[in-house]
């Protein structure tokens, strides 16, 4: 059985949790709010990957992704 690097395993887990939450949590949200949430999630994952899982990189990626997602659907 192949074992995965902990960062890859964490990323897959975060993606699965994000997908599960997005199915139920976005029912009453506007399109702009959905885009903001998706941008923050994608940014957090990207920030974590690019910085090797640092908290600062994850939070920074979430902030930048959220702003971009918010601005796309204005």
C-alpha atoms as a PDB file:
ATOM      1  CA  UNK A   1       0.000   0.000   0.000  1.00  0.00           C
ATOM      2  CA  UNK A   2       1.321   3.421  -0.972  1.00  0.00           C
ATOM      3  CA  UNK A   3       1.561   6.055   1.749  1.00  0.00           C
ATOM      4  CA  UNK A   4       1.194   9.731   0.955  1.00  0.00           C
ATOM      5  CA  UNK A   5       3.166  12.678   2.257  1.00  0.00           C
ATOM      6  CA  UNK A   6       1.328  14.270   5.230  1.00  0.00           C
ATOM      7  CA  UNK A   7       0.843  17.550   3.336  1.00  0.00           C
ATOM      8  CA  UNK A   8      -0.814  15.764   0.419  1.00  0.00           C
ATOM      9  CA  UNK A   9      -3.033  13.794   2.789  1.00  0.00           C
ATOM     10  CA  UNK A  10      -4.006  17.005   4.602  1.00  0.00           C
ATOM     11  CA  UNK A  11      -4.759  18.740   1.301  1.00  0.00           C
ATOM     12  CA  UNK A  12      -7.010  15.902   0.149  1.00  0.00           C
ATOM     13  CA  UNK A  13      -8.800  15.909   3.484  1.00  0.00           C
ATOM     14  CA  UNK A  14      -9.336  19.675   3.286  1.00  0.00           C
ATOM     15  CA  UNK A  15     -10.679  19.377  -0.262  1.00  0.00           C
ATOM     16  CA  UNK A  16     -13.133  16.670   0.757  1.00  0.00           C
ATOM     17  CA  UNK A  17     -14.312  18.702   3.744  1.00  0.00           C
ATOM     18  CA  UNK A  18     -14.681  21.799   1.567  1.00  0.00           C
ATOM     19  CA  UNK A  19     -16.713  19.862  -0.978  1.00  0.00           C
ATOM     20  CA  UNK A  20     -18.968  18.432   1.725  1.00  0.00           C
ATOM     21  CA  UNK A  21     -19.537  21.788   3.346  1.00  0.00           C
ATOM     22  CA  UNK A  22     -20.170  23.536   0.055  1.00  0.00           C
ATOM     23  CA  UNK A  23     -23.041  21.185  -0.721  1.00  0.00           C
ATOM     24  CA  UNK A  24     -24.984  22.121   2.405  1.00  0.00           C
ATOM     25  CA  UNK A  25     -23.689  25.467   3.623  1.00  0.00           C
ATOM     26  CA  UNK A  26     -24.331  27.586   0.541  1.00  0.00           C
ATOM     27  CA  UNK A  27     -28.087  27.102   0.209  1.00  0.00           C
ATOM     28  CA  UNK A  28     -29.069  30.588   1.417  1.00  0.00           C
ATOM     29  CA  UNK A  29     -26.053  32.494   0.108  1.00  0.00           C
ATOM     30  CA  UNK A  30     -25.922  34.948  -2.762  1.00  0.00           C
ATOM     31  CA  UNK A  31     -23.666  34.205  -5.720  1.00  0.00           C
ATOM     32  CA  UNK A  32     -21.142  36.777  -4.504  1.00  0.00           C
ATOM     33  CA  UNK A  33     -21.030  35.184  -1.033  1.00  0.00           C
ATOM     34  CA  UNK A  34     -20.528  31.761  -2.606  1.00  0.00           C
ATOM     35  CA  UNK A  35     -17.679  33.080  -4.749  1.00  0.00           C
ATOM     36  CA  UNK A  36     -16.055  34.660  -1.683  1.00  0.00           C
ATOM     37  CA  UNK A  37     -16.257  31.394   0.264  1.00  0.00           C
ATOM     38  CA  UNK A  38     -14.931  29.322  -2.622  1.00  0.00           C
ATOM     39  CA  UNK A  39     -12.111  31.804  -3.210  1.00  0.00           C
ATOM     40  CA  UNK A  40     -11.145  31.690   0.456  1.00  0.00           C
ATOM     41  CA  UNK A  41     -11.114  27.892   0.448  1.00  0.00           C
ATOM     42  CA  UNK A  42      -9.054  27.614  -2.707  1.00  0.00           C
ATOM     43  CA  UNK A  43      -6.711  30.353  -1.486  1.00  0.00           C
ATOM     44  CA  UNK A  44      -6.203  28.592   1.841  1.00  0.00           C
ATOM     45  CA  UNK A  45      -5.305  25.336   0.104  1.00  0.00           C
ATOM     46  CA  UNK A  46      -2.997  27.129  -2.312  1.00  0.00           C
ATOM     47  CA  UNK A  47      -1.339  29.078   0.482  1.00  0.00           C
ATOM     48  CA  UNK A  48      -0.796  25.916   2.489  1.00  0.00           C
ATOM     49  CA  UNK A  49       0.737  24.113  -0.458  1.00  0.00           C
ATOM     50  CA  UNK A  50       3.004  26.984  -1.484  1.00  0.00           C
ATOM     51  CA  UNK A  51       4.335  27.575   2.028  1.00  0.00           C
ATOM     52  CA  UNK A  52       4.645  23.976   3.150  1.00  0.00           C
ATOM     53  CA  UNK A  53       1.628  24.129   5.447  1.00  0.00           C
ATOM     54  CA  UNK A  54       2.495  27.225   7.456  1.00  0.00           C
ATOM     55  CA  UNK A  55      -0.347  28.926   9.273  1.00  0.00           C
ATOM     56  CA  UNK A  56       0.607  32.328   7.920  1.00  0.00           C
ATOM     57  CA  UNK A  57       0.612  31.068   4.341  1.00  0.00           C
ATOM     58  CA  UNK A  58      -2.736  29.343   4.786  1.00  0.00           C
ATOM     59  CA  UNK A  59      -4.396  32.397   6.324  1.00  0.00           C
ATOM     60  CA  UNK A  60      -2.814  34.730   3.796  1.00  0.00           C
ATOM     61  CA  UNK A  61      -3.984  32.541   0.924  1.00  0.00           C
ATOM     62  CA  UNK A  62      -7.494  32.445   2.363  1.00  0.00           C
ATOM     63  CA  UNK A  63      -7.590  36.228   2.669  1.00  0.00           C
ATOM     64  CA  UNK A  64      -6.315  36.836  -0.854  1.00  0.00           C
ATOM     65  CA  UNK A  65      -8.588  34.157  -2.327  1.00  0.00           C
ATOM     66  CA  UNK A  66     -11.608  35.549  -0.502  1.00  0.00           C
ATOM     67  CA  UNK A  67     -10.977  39.052  -1.817  1.00  0.00           C
ATOM     68  CA  UNK A  68     -10.514  37.778  -5.371  1.00  0.00           C
ATOM     69  CA  UNK A  69     -13.668  35.653  -5.156  1.00  0.00           C
ATOM     70  CA  UNK A  70     -15.612  38.607  -3.791  1.00  0.00           C
ATOM     71  CA  UNK A  71     -14.464  40.928  -6.560  1.00  0.00           C
ATOM     72  CA  UNK A  72     -15.135  38.463  -9.385  1.00  0.00           C
ATOM     73  CA  UNK A  73     -18.884  38.365  -8.751  1.00  0.00           C
ATOM     74  CA  UNK A  74     -19.475  42.089  -8.167  1.00  0.00           C
END
